[in-house]
Amino acid sequence: MENVKNTACLEITSTAAKLAVGYVLSGQPVLLYYIAKPLHDCVDKGDIIDPKTIQDVISGFLSLEDEE
């Protein structure tokens, strides 16, 4: 069996913060979890202009729990 490591990726754009969690199996990506939260007027031309809102969104990602 392959040694599988989970990987998390965070992307912050001018429109959303996105979190993806997954792994690679036999050279193919396997997505386990994905969530995107909108960001309105937080980033302008690559500059973060509302860091508190972005911080709150990322903190929300860190407190996610599995749904049963």
C-alpha atoms as a PDB file:
ATOM      1  CA  MET A   1       0.000   0.000   0.000  1.00  0.00           C
ATOM      2  CA  GLU A   2       1.200   3.504  -0.827  1.00  0.00           C
ATOM      3  CA  ASN A   3       2.240   5.898   1.905  1.00  0.00           C
ATOM      4  CA  VAL A   4      -0.506   8.548   1.667  1.00  0.00           C
ATOM      5  CA  LYS A   5      -0.108  12.039   3.127  1.00  0.00           C
ATOM      6  CA  ASN A   6      -3.007  14.436   3.375  1.00  0.00           C
ATOM      7  CA  THR A   7      -2.372  17.899   1.987  1.00  0.00           C
ATOM      8  CA  ALA A   8      -4.289  21.103   2.643  1.00  0.00           C
ATOM      9  CA  CYS A   9      -4.216  24.094   0.297  1.00  0.00           C
ATOM     10  CA  LEU A  10      -5.489  27.572   1.099  1.00  0.00           C
ATOM     11  CA  GLU A  11      -6.113  30.105  -1.657  1.00  0.00           C
ATOM     12  CA  ILE A  12      -7.096  33.719  -1.043  1.00  0.00           C
ATOM     13  CA  THR A  13      -8.337  35.690  -4.042  1.00  0.00           C
ATOM     14  CA  SER A  14     -10.163  38.963  -4.462  1.00  0.00           C
ATOM     15  CA  THR A  15     -13.486  37.099  -4.427  1.00  0.00           C
ATOM     16  CA  ALA A  16     -13.097  34.155  -2.044  1.00  0.00           C
ATOM     17  CA  ALA A  17     -11.010  32.163   0.405  1.00  0.00           C
ATOM     18  CA  LYS A  18     -10.847  28.499  -0.567  1.00  0.00           C
ATOM     19  CA  LEU A  19      -9.657  25.457   1.363  1.00  0.00           C
ATOM     20  CA  ALA A  20      -9.052  22.058  -0.219  1.00  0.00           C
ATOM     21  CA  VAL A  21      -7.901  18.902   1.575  1.00  0.00           C
ATOM     22  CA  GLY A  22      -6.879  15.727  -0.203  1.00  0.00           C
ATOM     23  CA  TYR A  23      -4.068  13.380  -1.163  1.00  0.00           C
ATOM     24  CA  VAL A  24      -2.462  11.758  -4.194  1.00  0.00           C
ATOM     25  CA  LEU A  25      -3.070   8.063  -4.869  1.00  0.00           C
ATOM     26  CA  SER A  26      -1.386   6.326  -7.802  1.00  0.00           C
ATOM     27  CA  GLY A  27      -0.509   9.709  -9.287  1.00  0.00           C
ATOM     28  CA  GLN A  28      -4.106  10.962  -9.164  1.00  0.00           C
ATOM     29  CA  PRO A  29      -5.416  13.663  -6.807  1.00  0.00           C
ATOM     30  CA  VAL A  30      -8.203  12.642  -4.456  1.00  0.00           C
ATOM     31  CA  LEU A  31     -10.220  15.542  -3.019  1.00  0.00           C
ATOM     32  CA  LEU A  32     -11.558  14.823   0.469  1.00  0.00           C
ATOM     33  CA  TYR A  33     -12.951  18.212   1.385  1.00  0.00           C
ATOM     34  CA  TYR A  34     -13.456  21.605  -0.283  1.00  0.00           C
ATOM     35  CA  ILE A  35     -15.012  24.805   1.012  1.00  0.00           C
ATOM     36  CA  ALA A  36     -15.081  28.354  -0.332  1.00  0.00           C
ATOM     37  CA  LYS A  37     -16.196  31.453   1.540  1.00  0.00           C
ATOM     38  CA  PRO A  38     -16.829  34.715  -0.294  1.00  0.00           C
ATOM     39  CA  LEU A  39     -14.659  37.742   0.422  1.00  0.00           C
ATOM     40  CA  HIS A  40     -16.230  41.068  -0.416  1.00  0.00           C
ATOM     41  CA  ASP A  41     -13.975  44.126  -0.639  1.00  0.00           C
ATOM     42  CA  CYS A  42     -11.141  42.436   1.304  1.00  0.00           C
ATOM     43  CA  VAL A  43      -8.486  42.318  -1.423  1.00  0.00           C
ATOM     44  CA  ASP A  44      -7.779  45.039  -3.979  1.00  0.00           C
ATOM     45  CA  LYS A  45      -5.212  44.536  -6.763  1.00  0.00           C
ATOM     46  CA  GLY A  46      -3.403  41.913  -4.679  1.00  0.00           C
ATOM     47  CA  ASP A  47      -3.340  43.992  -1.495  1.00  0.00           C
ATOM     48  CA  ILE A  48      -5.226  42.849   1.593  1.00  0.00           C
ATOM     49  CA  ILE A  49      -7.326  45.809   2.710  1.00  0.00           C
ATOM     50  CA  ASP A  50      -9.516  44.037   5.315  1.00  0.00           C
ATOM     51  CA  PRO A  51      -7.245  41.615   7.209  1.00  0.00           C
ATOM     52  CA  LYS A  52      -9.738  41.126  10.064  1.00  0.00           C
ATOM     53  CA  THR A  53     -12.383  39.615   7.775  1.00  0.00           C
ATOM     54  CA  ILE A  54      -9.827  37.344   6.126  1.00  0.00           C
ATOM     55  CA  GLN A  55      -8.547  36.292   9.554  1.00  0.00           C
ATOM     56  CA  ASP A  56     -12.114  35.449  10.650  1.00  0.00           C
ATOM     57  CA  VAL A  57     -12.719  33.343   7.528  1.00  0.00           C
ATOM     58  CA  ILE A  58      -9.457  31.408   8.001  1.00  0.00           C
ATOM     59  CA  SER A  59     -10.234  30.905  11.704  1.00  0.00           C
ATOM     60  CA  GLY A  60     -13.580  29.466  10.645  1.00  0.00           C
ATOM     61  CA  PHE A  61     -11.775  26.974   8.407  1.00  0.00           C
ATOM     62  CA  LEU A  62      -9.654  25.860  11.372  1.00  0.00           C
ATOM     63  CA  SER A  63     -12.701  25.064  13.476  1.00  0.00           C
ATOM     64  CA  LEU A  64     -14.508  22.896  10.907  1.00  0.00           C
ATOM     65  CA  GLU A  65     -15.855  19.560  12.095  1.00  0.00           C
ATOM     66  CA  ASP A  66     -17.009  16.521  10.149  1.00  0.00           C
ATOM     67  CA  GLU A  67     -20.740  16.354   9.560  1.00  0.00           C
ATOM     68  CA  GLU A  68     -22.360  13.110  10.575  1.00  0.00           C
END
